[in-house]
Amino acid sequence: MIIIGLTGGIASGKSTVALMLQSKGALILDADQIARETVLPGREAWREIVDWLGDRILLEDGSLDRAALGRLIFNDAARRQKLNAIVHPRVGEEMLARTAAIRRTSPHAVLVQDIPLLIEAGLEKTVDLVLLVYVNPFIQLERLQQRDNLSREEALSRIHAQMPLEQKKQYAHFIIDNSGTTRDTGNQVDLFWQCHRLPESAAEDAPRLERREKPC
């Protein structure tokens, strides 16, 4: 099995690239989706967060108000670290368990682990390839403001809470610049797939991939 660590920054377009990789036969594990499952009402992480921050971060149905939570943590490094300490270990355990299950059932799969904080968490050494989705900072800011209906200051606080994309470049085996059109991005995904001689389908035998600093 080949494991691709897909990472980037907020509003960089990782989900778009993940869908393109999935269309080529890759299997996707989305850390953000697992994180959302981890904090569903009644789950252990959900109880810890409510005990800590109170009912003010809950919606009427008992689920977390992600917008309210974001306002509390993005400008407060200590709160952000505490939230990460609650959620991230549980997400990591689930990612490991699901990866192991896929390895058993689909040993020749191309598995994409979509992890926004892959590099910040030091997980880049646990994957075979690091694929970075990059976007021009001005475009990233504009897209984030439009996507989440944020002010410029709110959007910047979310961007600055992450490692700069320019810094992440040094860890990447391959960089996809998502600043242009969807077709441009798709062409780069095709090049990445061909460059590493990945199989056309997850059902096919995956090639043996030797770890290299910069395979392409």
N, C-alpha and C. Protein backbone atom coordinates (compact mmCIF):
# COMPACT_ATOMS: atom_id res chain seq x y z
N MET A 1 0.85 -1.20 0.00
CA MET A 1 0.00 0.00 0.00
C MET A 1 0.88 1.25 0.00
N ILE A 2 0.50 2.23 -0.78
CA ILE A 2 1.18 3.52 -0.80
C ILE A 2 0.32 4.53 -0.04
N ILE A 3 0.94 5.26 0.87
CA ILE A 3 0.22 6.26 1.66
C ILE A 3 0.70 7.64 1.24
N ILE A 4 -0.25 8.46 0.80
CA ILE A 4 0.03 9.84 0.43
C ILE A 4 -0.50 10.74 1.54
N GLY A 5 0.35 11.60 2.06
CA GLY A 5 -0.08 12.58 3.03
C GLY A 5 -0.46 13.86 2.32
N LEU A 6 -1.75 14.14 2.25
CA LEU A 6 -2.25 15.34 1.57
C LEU A 6 -2.42 16.45 2.59
N THR A 7 -1.76 17.57 2.35
CA THR A 7 -1.85 18.67 3.30
C THR A 7 -1.86 20.00 2.57
N GLY A 8 -2.03 21.06 3.32
CA GLY A 8 -2.10 22.39 2.74
C GLY A 8 -2.48 23.37 3.83
N GLY A 9 -3.14 24.43 3.46
CA GLY A 9 -3.62 25.41 4.42
C GLY A 9 -5.12 25.54 4.32
N ILE A 10 -5.70 26.28 5.23
CA ILE A 10 -7.13 26.51 5.20
C ILE A 10 -7.50 27.20 3.88
N ALA A 11 -8.55 26.71 3.24
CA ALA A 11 -9.04 27.27 1.97
C ALA A 11 -8.02 27.16 0.84
N SER A 12 -7.12 26.20 0.93
CA SER A 12 -6.14 26.02 -0.16
C SER A 12 -6.68 25.12 -1.26
N GLY A 13 -7.71 24.33 -0.96
CA GLY A 13 -8.30 23.47 -1.98
C GLY A 13 -7.97 22.00 -1.83
N LYS A 14 -7.65 21.55 -0.61
CA LYS A 14 -7.32 20.14 -0.40
C LYS A 14 -8.48 19.22 -0.77
N SER A 15 -9.68 19.63 -0.43
CA SER A 15 -10.84 18.78 -0.72
C SER A 15 -11.01 18.57 -2.22
N THR A 16 -10.77 19.62 -2.99
CA THR A 16 -10.84 19.51 -4.45
C THR A 16 -9.82 18.50 -4.97
N VAL A 17 -8.59 18.61 -4.48
CA VAL A 17 -7.53 17.69 -4.91
C VAL A 17 -7.84 16.28 -4.44
N ALA A 18 -8.37 16.13 -3.24
CA ALA A 18 -8.72 14.79 -2.74
C ALA A 18 -9.74 14.12 -3.65
N LEU A 19 -10.74 14.87 -4.10
CA LEU A 19 -11.75 14.31 -4.99
C LEU A 19 -11.12 13.88 -6.33
N MET A 20 -10.17 14.66 -6.81
CA MET A 20 -9.49 14.31 -8.05
C MET A 20 -8.67 13.02 -7.89
N LEU A 21 -8.02 12.88 -6.75
CA LEU A 21 -7.26 11.66 -6.48
C LEU A 21 -8.20 10.47 -6.31
N GLN A 22 -9.33 10.71 -5.69
CA GLN A 22 -10.31 9.63 -5.52
C GLN A 22 -10.83 9.15 -6.87
N SER A 23 -10.99 10.07 -7.81
CA SER A 23 -11.47 9.69 -9.14
C SER A 23 -10.48 8.80 -9.87
N LYS A 24 -9.22 8.84 -9.43
CA LYS A 24 -8.19 7.99 -10.03
C LYS A 24 -8.08 6.64 -9.33
N GLY A 25 -8.88 6.43 -8.30
CA GLY A 25 -8.88 5.15 -7.61
C GLY A 25 -8.30 5.16 -6.22
N ALA A 26 -7.83 6.33 -5.77
CA ALA A 26 -7.27 6.41 -4.42
C ALA A 26 -8.39 6.32 -3.38
N LEU A 27 -8.05 5.77 -2.24
CA LEU A 27 -8.94 5.75 -1.09
C LEU A 27 -8.59 6.95 -0.21
N ILE A 28 -9.61 7.58 0.38
CA ILE A 28 -9.40 8.82 1.12
C ILE A 28 -9.76 8.62 2.59
N LEU A 29 -8.85 9.06 3.47
CA LEU A 29 -9.14 9.19 4.90
C LEU A 29 -9.05 10.68 5.23
N ASP A 30 -10.15 11.27 5.61
CA ASP A 30 -10.23 12.71 5.84
C ASP A 30 -10.17 12.99 7.34
N ALA A 31 -9.05 13.56 7.81
CA ALA A 31 -8.89 13.82 9.23
C ALA A 31 -9.93 14.80 9.75
N ASP A 32 -10.31 15.79 8.94
CA ASP A 32 -11.32 16.76 9.37
C ASP A 32 -12.67 16.08 9.60
N GLN A 33 -13.03 15.14 8.71
CA GLN A 33 -14.29 14.43 8.86
C GLN A 33 -14.27 13.57 10.12
N ILE A 34 -13.14 12.91 10.35
CA ILE A 34 -13.02 12.10 11.56
C ILE A 34 -13.09 12.99 12.80
N ALA A 35 -12.50 14.18 12.73
CA ALA A 35 -12.57 15.12 13.85
C ALA A 35 -14.01 15.52 14.13
N ARG A 36 -14.79 15.73 13.07
CA ARG A 36 -16.19 16.09 13.27
C ARG A 36 -16.96 14.94 13.92
N GLU A 37 -16.63 13.71 13.54
CA GLU A 37 -17.27 12.55 14.16
C GLU A 37 -16.88 12.42 15.62
N THR A 38 -15.65 12.78 15.92
CA THR A 38 -15.12 12.67 17.28
C THR A 38 -15.86 13.56 18.27
N VAL A 39 -16.37 14.70 17.80
CA VAL A 39 -17.02 15.66 18.71
C VAL A 39 -18.54 15.66 18.54
N LEU A 40 -19.10 14.58 18.02
CA LEU A 40 -20.56 14.49 17.95
C LEU A 40 -21.14 14.46 19.36
N PRO A 41 -22.38 14.94 19.53
CA PRO A 41 -22.99 14.98 20.86
C PRO A 41 -22.94 13.62 21.56
N GLY A 42 -22.50 13.67 22.80
CA GLY A 42 -22.43 12.45 23.61
C GLY A 42 -21.08 11.76 23.58
N ARG A 43 -20.25 12.08 22.58
CA ARG A 43 -18.93 11.46 22.53
C ARG A 43 -18.04 12.04 23.63
N GLU A 44 -17.01 11.30 23.97
CA GLU A 44 -16.14 11.70 25.08
C GLU A 44 -15.51 13.07 24.85
N ALA A 45 -15.01 13.31 23.64
CA ALA A 45 -14.39 14.60 23.35
C ALA A 45 -15.41 15.73 23.45
N TRP A 46 -16.63 15.48 23.00
CA TRP A 46 -17.70 16.48 23.08
C TRP A 46 -17.95 16.85 24.54
N ARG A 47 -18.01 15.84 25.42
CA ARG A 47 -18.25 16.12 26.84
C ARG A 47 -17.13 16.95 27.45
N GLU A 48 -15.89 16.64 27.08
CA GLU A 48 -14.76 17.41 27.60
C GLU A 48 -14.82 18.87 27.17
N ILE A 49 -15.19 19.10 25.91
CA ILE A 49 -15.26 20.47 25.40
C ILE A 49 -16.39 21.25 26.08
N VAL A 50 -17.53 20.60 26.27
CA VAL A 50 -18.67 21.28 26.92
C VAL A 50 -18.36 21.55 28.39
N ASP A 51 -17.72 20.60 29.06
CA ASP A 51 -17.34 20.83 30.45
C ASP A 51 -16.37 22.00 30.58
N TRP A 52 -15.55 22.17 29.57
CA TRP A 52 -14.53 23.22 29.58
C TRP A 52 -15.12 24.58 29.21
N LEU A 53 -15.87 24.66 28.10
CA LEU A 53 -16.32 25.95 27.58
C LEU A 53 -17.79 26.24 27.85
N GLY A 54 -18.53 25.24 28.27
CA GLY A 54 -19.93 25.47 28.62
C GLY A 54 -20.88 25.39 27.43
N ASP A 55 -22.16 25.62 27.72
CA ASP A 55 -23.21 25.50 26.71
C ASP A 55 -23.18 26.59 25.65
N ARG A 56 -22.38 27.63 25.86
CA ARG A 56 -22.35 28.73 24.90
C ARG A 56 -21.81 28.30 23.54
N ILE A 57 -21.15 27.16 23.46
CA ILE A 57 -20.60 26.72 22.17
C ILE A 57 -21.47 25.59 21.58
N LEU A 58 -22.72 25.48 22.05
CA LEU A 58 -23.62 24.46 21.53
C LEU A 58 -24.75 25.08 20.72
N LEU A 59 -25.16 24.37 19.67
CA LEU A 59 -26.36 24.73 18.93
C LEU A 59 -27.58 24.11 19.61
N GLU A 60 -28.75 24.42 19.12
CA GLU A 60 -29.98 23.93 19.76
C GLU A 60 -30.06 22.41 19.78
N ASP A 61 -29.48 21.75 18.77
CA ASP A 61 -29.55 20.29 18.71
C ASP A 61 -28.45 19.62 19.55
N GLY A 62 -27.65 20.42 20.25
CA GLY A 62 -26.60 19.87 21.10
C GLY A 62 -25.26 19.72 20.43
N SER A 63 -25.19 19.93 19.13
CA SER A 63 -23.91 19.83 18.42
C SER A 63 -23.09 21.10 18.65
N LEU A 64 -21.79 20.98 18.40
CA LEU A 64 -20.92 22.13 18.60
C LEU A 64 -21.20 23.21 17.57
N ASP A 65 -21.24 24.43 18.04
CA ASP A 65 -21.36 25.59 17.15
C ASP A 65 -19.94 25.92 16.69
N ARG A 66 -19.59 25.45 15.50
CA ARG A 66 -18.22 25.57 15.03
C ARG A 66 -17.81 27.03 14.84
N ALA A 67 -18.75 27.87 14.46
CA ALA A 67 -18.43 29.29 14.29
C ALA A 67 -18.09 29.92 15.64
N ALA A 68 -18.91 29.63 16.65
CA ALA A 68 -18.65 30.18 17.98
C ALA A 68 -17.35 29.64 18.55
N LEU A 69 -17.11 28.36 18.32
CA LEU A 69 -15.87 27.76 18.80
C LEU A 69 -14.67 28.40 18.12
N GLY A 70 -14.79 28.65 16.83
CA GLY A 70 -13.71 29.28 16.08
C GLY A 70 -13.37 30.66 16.62
N ARG A 71 -14.41 31.42 16.96
CA ARG A 71 -14.18 32.76 17.49
C ARG A 71 -13.44 32.72 18.83
N LEU A 72 -13.66 31.66 19.58
CA LEU A 72 -13.02 31.54 20.89
C LEU A 72 -11.56 31.10 20.81
N ILE A 73 -11.23 30.26 19.81
CA ILE A 73 -9.91 29.63 19.83
C ILE A 73 -8.89 30.25 18.87
N PHE A 74 -9.33 30.81 17.76
CA PHE A 74 -8.37 31.22 16.74
C PHE A 74 -7.50 32.40 17.18
N ASN A 75 -7.99 33.20 18.11
CA ASN A 75 -7.19 34.31 18.60
C ASN A 75 -6.60 34.04 19.99
N ASP A 76 -6.68 32.79 20.41
CA ASP A 76 -6.19 32.42 21.74
C ASP A 76 -5.38 31.13 21.62
N ALA A 77 -4.06 31.27 21.59
CA ALA A 77 -3.20 30.10 21.37
C ALA A 77 -3.37 29.05 22.46
N ALA A 78 -3.55 29.48 23.70
CA ALA A 78 -3.68 28.52 24.80
C ALA A 78 -4.96 27.69 24.64
N ARG A 79 -6.06 28.35 24.30
CA ARG A 79 -7.31 27.61 24.08
C ARG A 79 -7.20 26.69 22.89
N ARG A 80 -6.55 27.17 21.83
CA ARG A 80 -6.39 26.34 20.64
C ARG A 80 -5.58 25.07 20.97
N GLN A 81 -4.52 25.23 21.75
CA GLN A 81 -3.72 24.08 22.13
C GLN A 81 -4.51 23.10 22.98
N LYS A 82 -5.35 23.63 23.88
CA LYS A 82 -6.15 22.73 24.72
C LYS A 82 -7.17 21.97 23.88
N LEU A 83 -7.81 22.66 22.94
CA LEU A 83 -8.77 21.98 22.07
C LEU A 83 -8.07 20.89 21.26
N ASN A 84 -6.90 21.21 20.73
CA ASN A 84 -6.14 20.22 19.97
C ASN A 84 -5.78 19.02 20.83
N ALA A 85 -5.45 19.28 22.09
CA ALA A 85 -5.09 18.19 22.99
C ALA A 85 -6.27 17.26 23.27
N ILE A 86 -7.47 17.80 23.18
CA ILE A 86 -8.68 16.98 23.37
C ILE A 86 -8.99 16.17 22.12
N VAL A 87 -8.91 16.82 20.97
CA VAL A 87 -9.40 16.21 19.73
C VAL A 87 -8.34 15.39 18.99
N HIS A 88 -7.14 15.94 18.85
CA HIS A 88 -6.15 15.33 17.96
C HIS A 88 -5.73 13.91 18.34
N PRO A 89 -5.51 13.58 19.62
CA PRO A 89 -5.14 12.19 19.92
C PRO A 89 -6.20 11.19 19.51
N ARG A 90 -7.45 11.57 19.66
CA ARG A 90 -8.54 10.66 19.28
C ARG A 90 -8.62 10.51 17.76
N VAL A 91 -8.40 11.62 17.06
CA VAL A 91 -8.39 11.55 15.59
C VAL A 91 -7.23 10.67 15.14
N GLY A 92 -6.07 10.85 15.76
CA GLY A 92 -4.90 10.04 15.40
C GLY A 92 -5.14 8.56 15.60
N GLU A 93 -5.75 8.20 16.70
CA GLU A 93 -6.04 6.79 16.97
C GLU A 93 -6.98 6.21 15.91
N GLU A 94 -7.99 7.00 15.56
CA GLU A 94 -8.95 6.52 14.56
C GLU A 94 -8.32 6.42 13.18
N MET A 95 -7.46 7.37 12.84
CA MET A 95 -6.76 7.31 11.55
C MET A 95 -5.90 6.05 11.49
N LEU A 96 -5.18 5.74 12.56
CA LEU A 96 -4.35 4.54 12.59
C LEU A 96 -5.19 3.29 12.44
N ALA A 97 -6.32 3.25 13.14
CA ALA A 97 -7.18 2.07 13.09
C ALA A 97 -7.75 1.87 11.69
N ARG A 98 -8.20 2.95 11.06
CA ARG A 98 -8.79 2.83 9.72
C ARG A 98 -7.71 2.51 8.68
N THR A 99 -6.52 3.05 8.86
CA THR A 99 -5.41 2.74 7.94
C THR A 99 -5.07 1.25 8.04
N ALA A 100 -5.02 0.73 9.25
CA ALA A 100 -4.71 -0.69 9.45
C ALA A 100 -5.78 -1.57 8.81
N ALA A 101 -7.04 -1.16 8.92
CA ALA A 101 -8.13 -1.94 8.33
C ALA A 101 -8.02 -1.93 6.81
N ILE A 102 -7.69 -0.79 6.23
CA ILE A 102 -7.53 -0.71 4.77
C ILE A 102 -6.34 -1.54 4.32
N ARG A 103 -5.27 -1.52 5.10
CA ARG A 103 -4.09 -2.32 4.75
C ARG A 103 -4.44 -3.82 4.71
N ARG A 104 -5.31 -4.23 5.61
CA ARG A 104 -5.71 -5.65 5.63
C ARG A 104 -6.61 -6.00 4.46
N THR A 105 -7.57 -5.13 4.16
CA THR A 105 -8.56 -5.46 3.13
C THR A 105 -8.15 -5.07 1.73
N SER A 106 -7.29 -4.03 1.61
CA SER A 106 -6.86 -3.55 0.29
C SER A 106 -5.35 -3.29 0.32
N PRO A 107 -4.56 -4.34 0.38
CA PRO A 107 -3.11 -4.18 0.57
C PRO A 107 -2.40 -3.46 -0.58
N HIS A 108 -3.05 -3.37 -1.74
CA HIS A 108 -2.42 -2.70 -2.88
C HIS A 108 -3.01 -1.31 -3.13
N ALA A 109 -3.73 -0.79 -2.16
CA ALA A 109 -4.40 0.50 -2.34
C ALA A 109 -3.42 1.66 -2.37
N VAL A 110 -3.86 2.73 -3.01
CA VAL A 110 -3.23 4.04 -2.85
C VAL A 110 -4.12 4.79 -1.87
N LEU A 111 -3.60 5.03 -0.69
CA LEU A 111 -4.38 5.65 0.38
C LEU A 111 -3.94 7.09 0.56
N VAL A 112 -4.90 8.00 0.53
CA VAL A 112 -4.63 9.41 0.77
C VAL A 112 -5.11 9.76 2.17
N GLN A 113 -4.17 10.17 3.01
CA GLN A 113 -4.52 10.67 4.33
C GLN A 113 -4.57 12.19 4.25
N ASP A 114 -5.78 12.73 4.25
CA ASP A 114 -5.99 14.17 4.13
C ASP A 114 -5.89 14.77 5.53
N ILE A 115 -4.72 15.36 5.84
CA ILE A 115 -4.45 15.85 7.20
C ILE A 115 -3.94 17.29 7.12
N PRO A 116 -4.77 18.26 7.47
CA PRO A 116 -4.34 19.66 7.39
C PRO A 116 -3.06 19.94 8.18
N LEU A 117 -2.93 19.35 9.36
CA LEU A 117 -1.77 19.61 10.23
C LEU A 117 -0.75 18.47 10.15
N LEU A 118 -0.63 17.86 9.01
CA LEU A 118 0.30 16.75 8.83
C LEU A 118 1.72 17.12 9.28
N ILE A 119 2.20 18.26 8.82
CA ILE A 119 3.58 18.68 9.10
C ILE A 119 3.70 19.21 10.53
N GLU A 120 2.73 20.02 10.95
CA GLU A 120 2.77 20.55 12.30
C GLU A 120 2.80 19.44 13.34
N ALA A 121 2.11 18.32 13.04
CA ALA A 121 2.05 17.20 13.98
C ALA A 121 3.23 16.24 13.83
N GLY A 122 4.13 16.53 12.88
CA GLY A 122 5.29 15.67 12.68
C GLY A 122 4.97 14.34 12.03
N LEU A 123 3.87 14.29 11.27
CA LEU A 123 3.43 13.03 10.68
C LEU A 123 3.96 12.83 9.26
N GLU A 124 4.73 13.80 8.76
CA GLU A 124 5.21 13.68 7.38
C GLU A 124 6.12 12.47 7.19
N LYS A 125 6.74 11.99 8.27
CA LYS A 125 7.64 10.83 8.18
C LYS A 125 6.88 9.51 8.20
N THR A 126 5.57 9.56 8.46
CA THR A 126 4.78 8.33 8.53
C THR A 126 4.13 7.99 7.20
N VAL A 127 4.29 8.85 6.19
CA VAL A 127 3.68 8.61 4.88
C VAL A 127 4.78 8.42 3.84
N ASP A 128 4.41 7.87 2.70
CA ASP A 128 5.38 7.64 1.63
C ASP A 128 5.64 8.90 0.81
N LEU A 129 4.60 9.70 0.62
CA LEU A 129 4.71 10.94 -0.16
C LEU A 129 3.94 12.04 0.54
N VAL A 130 4.52 13.23 0.56
CA VAL A 130 3.82 14.41 1.06
C VAL A 130 3.40 15.24 -0.15
N LEU A 131 2.10 15.41 -0.30
CA LEU A 131 1.54 16.19 -1.40
C LEU A 131 0.95 17.47 -0.82
N LEU A 132 1.54 18.60 -1.18
CA LEU A 132 1.11 19.90 -0.65
C LEU A 132 0.25 20.63 -1.66
N VAL A 133 -0.91 21.09 -1.21
CA VAL A 133 -1.76 21.95 -2.04
C VAL A 133 -1.47 23.39 -1.64
N TYR A 134 -0.90 24.13 -2.57
CA TYR A 134 -0.49 25.51 -2.33
C TYR A 134 -1.47 26.45 -3.02
N VAL A 135 -1.60 27.64 -2.45
CA VAL A 135 -2.41 28.68 -3.09
C VAL A 135 -1.78 30.03 -2.76
N ASN A 136 -1.87 30.95 -3.70
CA ASN A 136 -1.37 32.30 -3.47
C ASN A 136 -2.04 32.89 -2.23
N PRO A 137 -1.27 33.52 -1.32
CA PRO A 137 -1.85 34.02 -0.07
C PRO A 137 -3.02 34.97 -0.26
N PHE A 138 -2.97 35.82 -1.28
CA PHE A 138 -4.07 36.76 -1.52
C PHE A 138 -5.34 36.02 -1.95
N ILE A 139 -5.15 34.99 -2.76
CA ILE A 139 -6.30 34.18 -3.19
C ILE A 139 -6.84 33.37 -2.02
N GLN A 140 -5.94 32.84 -1.21
CA GLN A 140 -6.35 32.08 -0.03
C GLN A 140 -7.22 32.93 0.89
N LEU A 141 -6.80 34.16 1.13
CA LEU A 141 -7.57 35.06 2.00
C LEU A 141 -8.94 35.34 1.40
N GLU A 142 -8.97 35.63 0.11
CA GLU A 142 -10.24 35.95 -0.55
C GLU A 142 -11.19 34.75 -0.51
N ARG A 143 -10.66 33.56 -0.81
CA ARG A 143 -11.50 32.36 -0.81
C ARG A 143 -12.04 32.05 0.58
N LEU A 144 -11.20 32.22 1.60
CA LEU A 144 -11.64 31.93 2.96
C LEU A 144 -12.72 32.90 3.41
N GLN A 145 -12.56 34.17 3.09
CA GLN A 145 -13.57 35.15 3.45
C GLN A 145 -14.91 34.82 2.79
N GLN A 146 -14.87 34.47 1.52
CA GLN A 146 -16.10 34.16 0.79
C GLN A 146 -16.71 32.85 1.27
N ARG A 147 -15.87 31.84 1.49
CA ARG A 147 -16.38 30.52 1.87
C ARG A 147 -17.06 30.53 3.23
N ASP A 148 -16.43 31.19 4.21
CA ASP A 148 -16.93 31.16 5.58
C ASP A 148 -17.58 32.46 6.02
N ASN A 149 -17.74 33.39 5.08
CA ASN A 149 -18.38 34.67 5.37
C ASN A 149 -17.69 35.37 6.55
N LEU A 150 -16.38 35.53 6.42
CA LEU A 150 -15.56 36.10 7.49
C LEU A 150 -15.08 37.50 7.11
N SER A 151 -14.81 38.29 8.13
CA SER A 151 -14.14 39.56 7.89
C SER A 151 -12.68 39.28 7.55
N ARG A 152 -12.00 40.30 7.04
CA ARG A 152 -10.58 40.13 6.71
C ARG A 152 -9.78 39.74 7.95
N GLU A 153 -10.07 40.38 9.07
CA GLU A 153 -9.34 40.11 10.30
C GLU A 153 -9.60 38.69 10.79
N GLU A 154 -10.86 38.24 10.72
CA GLU A 154 -11.18 36.88 11.15
C GLU A 154 -10.48 35.85 10.27
N ALA A 155 -10.48 36.09 8.97
CA ALA A 155 -9.85 35.15 8.05
C ALA A 155 -8.34 35.10 8.28
N LEU A 156 -7.74 36.25 8.48
CA LEU A 156 -6.29 36.30 8.71
C LEU A 156 -5.92 35.56 9.99
N SER A 157 -6.75 35.68 11.02
CA SER A 157 -6.44 35.00 12.28
C SER A 157 -6.44 33.49 12.10
N ARG A 158 -7.32 32.98 11.24
CA ARG A 158 -7.36 31.54 10.98
C ARG A 158 -6.14 31.10 10.15
N ILE A 159 -5.77 31.91 9.18
CA ILE A 159 -4.60 31.59 8.35
C ILE A 159 -3.32 31.62 9.19
N HIS A 160 -3.18 32.63 10.03
CA HIS A 160 -1.97 32.79 10.82
C HIS A 160 -1.86 31.76 11.94
N ALA A 161 -2.97 31.08 12.23
CA ALA A 161 -2.93 30.02 13.25
C ALA A 161 -2.25 28.76 12.73
N GLN A 162 -1.98 28.70 11.43
CA GLN A 162 -1.35 27.54 10.81
C GLN A 162 0.06 27.88 10.34
N MET A 163 0.86 26.84 10.12
CA MET A 163 2.18 27.03 9.55
C MET A 163 2.04 27.64 8.16
N PRO A 164 2.84 28.65 7.82
CA PRO A 164 2.74 29.26 6.49
C PRO A 164 2.97 28.24 5.37
N LEU A 165 2.22 28.38 4.30
CA LEU A 165 2.37 27.45 3.18
C LEU A 165 3.77 27.48 2.60
N GLU A 166 4.39 28.64 2.58
CA GLU A 166 5.76 28.73 2.06
C GLU A 166 6.71 27.86 2.87
N GLN A 167 6.49 27.80 4.17
CA GLN A 167 7.33 26.97 5.03
C GLN A 167 7.06 25.49 4.81
N LYS A 168 5.82 25.15 4.49
CA LYS A 168 5.48 23.74 4.28
C LYS A 168 6.11 23.18 3.00
N LYS A 169 6.46 24.06 2.08
CA LYS A 169 7.01 23.60 0.79
C LYS A 169 8.24 22.73 0.96
N GLN A 170 9.06 23.01 1.96
CA GLN A 170 10.31 22.27 2.13
C GLN A 170 10.08 20.81 2.52
N TYR A 171 8.88 20.49 2.98
CA TYR A 171 8.57 19.12 3.38
C TYR A 171 7.92 18.31 2.26
N ALA A 172 7.52 18.99 1.20
CA ALA A 172 6.70 18.35 0.17
C ALA A 172 7.53 17.61 -0.86
N HIS A 173 7.04 16.43 -1.26
CA HIS A 173 7.62 15.71 -2.41
C HIS A 173 7.05 16.26 -3.71
N PHE A 174 5.84 16.81 -3.63
CA PHE A 174 5.19 17.34 -4.83
C PHE A 174 4.26 18.46 -4.39
N ILE A 175 4.22 19.55 -5.16
CA ILE A 175 3.39 20.70 -4.83
C ILE A 175 2.39 20.94 -5.95
N ILE A 176 1.13 21.06 -5.60
CA ILE A 176 0.09 21.41 -6.56
C ILE A 176 -0.36 22.84 -6.26
N ASP A 177 -0.19 23.72 -7.23
CA ASP A 177 -0.59 25.11 -7.07
C ASP A 177 -2.05 25.25 -7.50
N ASN A 178 -2.90 25.50 -6.52
CA ASN A 178 -4.33 25.59 -6.77
C ASN A 178 -4.80 27.03 -6.90
N SER A 179 -3.90 27.90 -7.35
CA SER A 179 -4.25 29.32 -7.50
C SER A 179 -5.02 29.60 -8.79
N GLY A 180 -4.98 28.66 -9.72
CA GLY A 180 -5.61 28.89 -11.02
C GLY A 180 -6.96 28.22 -11.17
N THR A 181 -7.21 27.74 -12.38
CA THR A 181 -8.50 27.11 -12.67
C THR A 181 -8.52 25.65 -12.21
N THR A 182 -9.72 25.09 -12.18
CA THR A 182 -9.88 23.68 -11.83
C THR A 182 -9.14 22.80 -12.83
N ARG A 183 -9.15 23.19 -14.10
CA ARG A 183 -8.43 22.43 -15.12
C ARG A 183 -6.92 22.44 -14.85
N ASP A 184 -6.40 23.61 -14.48
CA ASP A 184 -4.97 23.71 -14.15
C ASP A 184 -4.62 22.75 -13.01
N THR A 185 -5.46 22.73 -11.98
CA THR A 185 -5.23 21.85 -10.83
C THR A 185 -5.31 20.40 -11.25
N GLY A 186 -6.29 20.08 -12.07
CA GLY A 186 -6.44 18.70 -12.55
C GLY A 186 -5.24 18.23 -13.34
N ASN A 187 -4.68 19.11 -14.15
CA ASN A 187 -3.49 18.75 -14.92
C ASN A 187 -2.31 18.44 -14.00
N GLN A 188 -2.20 19.19 -12.91
CA GLN A 188 -1.11 18.96 -11.96
C GLN A 188 -1.33 17.65 -11.20
N VAL A 189 -2.57 17.33 -10.89
CA VAL A 189 -2.87 16.05 -10.25
C VAL A 189 -2.50 14.90 -11.18
N ASP A 190 -2.81 15.06 -12.47
CA ASP A 190 -2.44 14.03 -13.46
C ASP A 190 -0.92 13.85 -13.50
N LEU A 191 -0.20 14.96 -13.48
CA LEU A 191 1.26 14.91 -13.52
C LEU A 191 1.81 14.21 -12.28
N PHE A 192 1.26 14.54 -11.13
CA PHE A 192 1.68 13.88 -9.89
C PHE A 192 1.48 12.38 -9.98
N TRP A 193 0.31 11.97 -10.45
CA TRP A 193 -0.03 10.55 -10.54
C TRP A 193 0.93 9.82 -11.49
N GLN A 194 1.18 10.45 -12.64
CA GLN A 194 2.07 9.84 -13.63
C GLN A 194 3.52 9.83 -13.15
N CYS A 195 3.92 10.91 -12.51
CA CYS A 195 5.30 11.06 -12.05
C CYS A 195 5.69 9.94 -11.10
N HIS A 196 4.76 9.54 -10.25
CA HIS A 196 5.06 8.51 -9.26
C HIS A 196 4.57 7.13 -9.68
N ARG A 197 4.15 7.03 -10.96
CA ARG A 197 3.76 5.75 -11.53
C ARG A 197 2.74 5.02 -10.66
N LEU A 198 1.73 5.77 -10.24
CA LEU A 198 0.69 5.19 -9.42
C LEU A 198 -0.29 4.42 -10.30
N PRO A 199 -0.92 3.38 -9.74
CA PRO A 199 -1.81 2.54 -10.55
C PRO A 199 -3.06 3.29 -10.95
N GLU A 200 -3.64 2.90 -12.08
CA GLU A 200 -4.85 3.56 -12.56
C GLU A 200 -6.07 3.24 -11.73
N SER A 201 -5.98 2.21 -10.90
CA SER A 201 -7.10 1.82 -10.06
C SER A 201 -6.56 1.27 -8.76
N ALA A 202 -7.27 1.52 -7.66
CA ALA A 202 -6.84 1.00 -6.36
C ALA A 202 -6.85 -0.52 -6.35
N ALA A 203 -7.56 -1.12 -7.29
CA ALA A 203 -7.63 -2.58 -7.33
C ALA A 203 -6.38 -3.19 -7.93
N GLU A 204 -5.61 -2.38 -8.67
CA GLU A 204 -4.40 -2.90 -9.30
C GLU A 204 -3.27 -3.02 -8.28
N ASP A 205 -2.29 -3.82 -8.62
CA ASP A 205 -1.12 -3.93 -7.75
C ASP A 205 -0.40 -2.59 -7.71
N ALA A 206 -0.16 -2.09 -6.51
CA ALA A 206 0.56 -0.83 -6.35
C ALA A 206 2.04 -1.06 -6.56
N PRO A 207 2.73 -0.13 -7.20
CA PRO A 207 4.15 -0.30 -7.40
C PRO A 207 4.91 -0.13 -6.09
N ARG A 208 6.08 -0.71 -6.03
CA ARG A 208 6.92 -0.52 -4.86
C ARG A 208 7.52 0.88 -4.94
N LEU A 209 7.34 1.65 -3.88
CA LEU A 209 7.79 3.04 -3.90
C LEU A 209 8.90 3.21 -2.87
N GLU A 210 10.09 3.51 -3.35
CA GLU A 210 11.20 3.76 -2.45
C GLU A 210 11.13 5.20 -1.95
N ARG A 211 11.38 5.37 -0.65
CA ARG A 211 11.35 6.71 -0.07
C ARG A 211 12.53 7.52 -0.58
N ARG A 212 12.23 8.68 -1.13
CA ARG A 212 13.26 9.59 -1.59
C ARG A 212 12.92 10.99 -1.15
N GLU A 213 13.92 11.86 -1.06
CA GLU A 213 13.66 13.21 -0.61
C GLU A 213 12.74 13.95 -1.58
N LYS A 214 13.05 13.87 -2.86
CA LYS A 214 12.24 14.54 -3.88
C LYS A 214 12.08 13.57 -5.07
N PRO A 215 11.08 12.65 -5.00
CA PRO A 215 10.94 11.65 -6.06
C PRO A 215 10.80 12.23 -7.45
N CYS A 216 10.17 13.41 -7.58
CA CYS A 216 9.99 14.02 -8.91
C CYS A 216 10.74 15.33 -8.99
